Amino acid sequence: MTCWCPCITFGQIAEVVDKGTTSCGVSGALYSILCLFTGCECIYSFMYRSKLRQQYMLTEQPCNDCLVHCCCEWCALCQEYRELKYRGLEPSLGWQGNLAKQSQGVVMPPVGPGEMKR
């Protein structure tokens, strides 16, 4: 999905990282507009990597967030998507879907120190 339509992956990540304050559609649309008109969508997307790192106290490595997104945008988005899944969230469900899933008594995996790794 990320290879052919990264705006969808980004929108899903942004909605979950923003805890539902930004919708998947709005974030994905902004990402698409930046991609089409400037080619610098990484300027927008790296901020969500930084938010994700701050929320889960992850270290900034191997280099800073902007550089990771500029060098390999798709890899960075896949990595962030997997990190959210590792934390027990399903980005494709959106924020409300994850809240509903949690309220049904689904047991969340333990959250411990981690890195954004494969």
C-alpha atoms as a PDB file:
ATOM      1  CA  MET A   1       0.000   0.000   0.000  1.00  0.00           C
ATOM      2  CA  THR A   2       2.748   2.432   0.981  1.00  0.00           C
ATOM      3  CA  CYS A   3       4.594   1.949  -2.293  1.00  0.00           C
ATOM      4  CA  TRP A   4       1.629   2.863  -4.496  1.00  0.00           C
ATOM      5  CA  CYS A   5      -0.307   5.240  -2.265  1.00  0.00           C
ATOM      6  CA  PRO A   6       1.763   6.514   0.664  1.00  0.00           C
ATOM      7  CA  CYS A   7      -0.844   9.187   1.403  1.00  0.00           C
ATOM      8  CA  ILE A   8      -3.139   6.481   2.818  1.00  0.00           C
ATOM      9  CA  THR A   9      -0.456   5.022   5.074  1.00  0.00           C
ATOM     10  CA  PHE A  10       0.539   8.498   6.211  1.00  0.00           C
ATOM     11  CA  GLY A  11      -3.072   9.484   6.905  1.00  0.00           C
ATOM     12  CA  GLN A  12      -3.614   6.378   9.016  1.00  0.00           C
ATOM     13  CA  ILE A  13      -0.436   7.021  11.000  1.00  0.00           C
ATOM     14  CA  ALA A  14      -1.262  10.708  11.504  1.00  0.00           C
ATOM     15  CA  GLU A  15      -4.781   9.974  12.782  1.00  0.00           C
ATOM     16  CA  VAL A  16      -3.515   7.515  15.391  1.00  0.00           C
ATOM     17  CA  VAL A  17      -0.507   9.625  16.454  1.00  0.00           C
ATOM     18  CA  ASP A  18      -2.768  12.692  16.803  1.00  0.00           C
ATOM     19  CA  LYS A  19      -5.245  10.577  18.799  1.00  0.00           C
ATOM     20  CA  GLY A  20      -8.102  11.346  16.453  1.00  0.00           C
ATOM     21  CA  THR A  21      -7.775  15.132  16.360  1.00  0.00           C
ATOM     22  CA  THR A  22      -6.768  14.936  12.686  1.00  0.00           C
ATOM     23  CA  SER A  23      -8.612  12.619  10.329  1.00  0.00           C
ATOM     24  CA  CYS A  24      -6.939  10.173   8.005  1.00  0.00           C
ATOM     25  CA  GLY A  25      -8.533  11.883   5.004  1.00  0.00           C
ATOM     26  CA  VAL A  26      -7.346  15.386   5.870  1.00  0.00           C
ATOM     27  CA  SER A  27      -3.796  14.280   6.646  1.00  0.00           C
ATOM     28  CA  GLY A  28      -3.634  12.105   3.546  1.00  0.00           C
ATOM     29  CA  ALA A  29      -4.962  14.939   1.370  1.00  0.00           C
ATOM     30  CA  LEU A  30      -2.397  17.414   2.709  1.00  0.00           C
ATOM     31  CA  TYR A  31       0.327  14.848   2.147  1.00  0.00           C
ATOM     32  CA  SER A  32      -0.862  14.313  -1.454  1.00  0.00           C
ATOM     33  CA  ILE A  33      -1.014  18.037  -2.185  1.00  0.00           C
ATOM     34  CA  LEU A  34       2.511  18.532  -0.877  1.00  0.00           C
ATOM     35  CA  CYS A  35       3.713  15.569  -2.906  1.00  0.00           C
ATOM     36  CA  LEU A  36       2.083  16.736  -6.136  1.00  0.00           C
ATOM     37  CA  PHE A  37       2.954  20.430  -5.956  1.00  0.00           C
ATOM     38  CA  THR A  38       6.295  20.490  -4.139  1.00  0.00           C
ATOM     39  CA  GLY A  39       7.682  16.953  -4.072  1.00  0.00           C
ATOM     40  CA  CYS A  40       8.661  17.630  -0.455  1.00  0.00           C
ATOM     41  CA  GLU A  41       6.058  15.680   1.477  1.00  0.00           C
ATOM     42  CA  CYS A  42       8.813  14.672   3.889  1.00  0.00           C
ATOM     43  CA  ILE A  43       8.657  18.190   5.354  1.00  0.00           C
ATOM     44  CA  TYR A  44       5.186  17.325   6.681  1.00  0.00           C
ATOM     45  CA  SER A  45       5.593  13.625   7.421  1.00  0.00           C
ATOM     46  CA  PHE A  46       8.756  13.819   9.513  1.00  0.00           C
ATOM     47  CA  MET A  47       6.883  15.807  12.163  1.00  0.00           C
ATOM     48  CA  TYR A  48       4.689  12.782  12.849  1.00  0.00           C
ATOM     49  CA  ARG A  49       7.753  10.590  13.255  1.00  0.00           C
ATOM     50  CA  SER A  50       8.955  13.048  15.898  1.00  0.00           C
ATOM     51  CA  LYS A  51       5.546  12.964  17.640  1.00  0.00           C
ATOM     52  CA  LEU A  52       5.587   9.161  17.605  1.00  0.00           C
ATOM     53  CA  ARG A  53       9.080   9.084  19.103  1.00  0.00           C
ATOM     54  CA  GLN A  54       8.054  11.517  21.844  1.00  0.00           C
ATOM     55  CA  GLN A  55       4.904   9.554  22.706  1.00  0.00           C
ATOM     56  CA  TYR A  56       6.809   6.297  23.124  1.00  0.00           C
ATOM     57  CA  MET A  57      10.163   7.721  24.289  1.00  0.00           C
ATOM     58  CA  LEU A  58      12.089   6.311  21.334  1.00  0.00           C
ATOM     59  CA  THR A  59      15.589   7.438  20.494  1.00  0.00           C
ATOM     60  CA  GLU A  60      16.309   9.411  17.347  1.00  0.00           C
ATOM     61  CA  GLN A  61      18.563   7.102  15.403  1.00  0.00           C
ATOM     62  CA  PRO A  62      20.285   6.300  13.087  1.00  0.00           C
ATOM     63  CA  CYS A  63      19.868   9.983  12.156  1.00  0.00           C
ATOM     64  CA  ASN A  64      17.376  12.782  12.659  1.00  0.00           C
ATOM     65  CA  ASP A  65      13.742  12.342  11.645  1.00  0.00           C
ATOM     66  CA  CYS A  66      13.799  14.751   8.714  1.00  0.00           C
ATOM     67  CA  LEU A  67      16.770  13.000   7.142  1.00  0.00           C
ATOM     68  CA  VAL A  68      15.141   9.575   7.549  1.00  0.00           C
ATOM     69  CA  HIS A  69      12.024  10.800   5.732  1.00  0.00           C
ATOM     70  CA  CYS A  70      13.975  12.637   3.034  1.00  0.00           C
ATOM     71  CA  CYS A  71      16.200   9.649   2.248  1.00  0.00           C
ATOM     72  CA  CYS A  72      13.554   6.936   2.269  1.00  0.00           C
ATOM     73  CA  GLU A  73      10.019   8.173   2.805  1.00  0.00           C
ATOM     74  CA  TRP A  74       8.344   4.824   2.178  1.00  0.00           C
ATOM     75  CA  CYS A  75      10.646   2.948   4.551  1.00  0.00           C
ATOM     76  CA  ALA A  76      10.033   5.535   7.273  1.00  0.00           C
ATOM     77  CA  LEU A  77       6.250   5.267   6.867  1.00  0.00           C
ATOM     78  CA  CYS A  78       6.361   1.455   6.981  1.00  0.00           C
ATOM     79  CA  GLN A  79       8.541   1.599  10.074  1.00  0.00           C
ATOM     80  CA  GLU A  80       6.138   3.968  11.856  1.00  0.00           C
ATOM     81  CA  TYR A  81       3.139   1.838  10.871  1.00  0.00           C
ATOM     82  CA  ARG A  82       4.837  -1.272  12.285  1.00  0.00           C
ATOM     83  CA  GLU A  83       5.779   0.587  15.475  1.00  0.00           C
ATOM     84  CA  LEU A  84       2.123   1.472  16.081  1.00  0.00           C
ATOM     85  CA  LYS A  85       1.118  -2.146  15.463  1.00  0.00           C
ATOM     86  CA  TYR A  86       3.831  -3.262  17.892  1.00  0.00           C
ATOM     87  CA  ARG A  87       2.272  -0.935  20.479  1.00  0.00           C
ATOM     88  CA  GLY A  88      -1.077  -2.685  20.063  1.00  0.00           C
ATOM     89  CA  LEU A  89      -2.697  -0.158  17.738  1.00  0.00           C
ATOM     90  CA  GLU A  90      -4.050  -0.924  14.280  1.00  0.00           C
ATOM     91  CA  PRO A  91      -3.578   2.207  12.135  1.00  0.00           C
ATOM     92  CA  SER A  92      -5.977   0.954   9.464  1.00  0.00           C
ATOM     93  CA  LEU A  93      -8.838   1.108  12.017  1.00  0.00           C
ATOM     94  CA  GLY A  94      -8.267   4.775  12.794  1.00  0.00           C
ATOM     95  CA  TRP A  95      -8.346   6.269  16.266  1.00  0.00           C
ATOM     96  CA  GLN A  96     -12.031   5.568  16.962  1.00  0.00           C
ATOM     97  CA  GLY A  97     -11.672   1.988  15.765  1.00  0.00           C
ATOM     98  CA  ASN A  98      -8.776   1.429  18.123  1.00  0.00           C
ATOM     99  CA  LEU A  99     -10.718   2.897  21.035  1.00  0.00           C
ATOM    100  CA  ALA A 100     -13.632   0.586  20.260  1.00  0.00           C
ATOM    101  CA  LYS A 101     -11.271  -2.392  20.040  1.00  0.00           C
ATOM    102  CA  GLN A 102      -9.740  -1.533  23.405  1.00  0.00           C
ATOM    103  CA  SER A 103     -13.127  -1.096  25.072  1.00  0.00           C
ATOM    104  CA  GLN A 104     -14.130  -4.624  24.005  1.00  0.00           C
ATOM    105  CA  GLY A 105     -11.641  -6.041  26.471  1.00  0.00           C
ATOM    106  CA  VAL A 106      -8.844  -6.776  24.039  1.00  0.00           C
ATOM    107  CA  VAL A 107      -5.643  -7.250  25.985  1.00  0.00           C
ATOM    108  CA  MET A 108      -2.893  -4.878  24.896  1.00  0.00           C
ATOM    109  CA  PRO A 109       0.704  -6.103  24.637  1.00  0.00           C
ATOM    110  CA  PRO A 110       3.084  -4.700  27.227  1.00  0.00           C
ATOM    111  CA  VAL A 111       4.712  -1.420  26.292  1.00  0.00           C
ATOM    112  CA  GLY A 112       8.398  -1.359  27.014  1.00  0.00           C
ATOM    113  CA  PRO A 113      11.401   0.519  25.801  1.00  0.00           C
ATOM    114  CA  GLY A 114      11.873  -0.108  22.151  1.00  0.00           C
ATOM    115  CA  GLU A 115      13.262   1.138  18.942  1.00  0.00           C
ATOM    116  CA  MET A 116      11.768   1.572  15.512  1.00  0.00           C
ATOM    117  CA  LYS A 117      13.279  -1.546  14.015  1.00  0.00           C
ATOM    118  CA  ARG A 118      12.313  -4.184  11.493  1.00  0.00           C
END
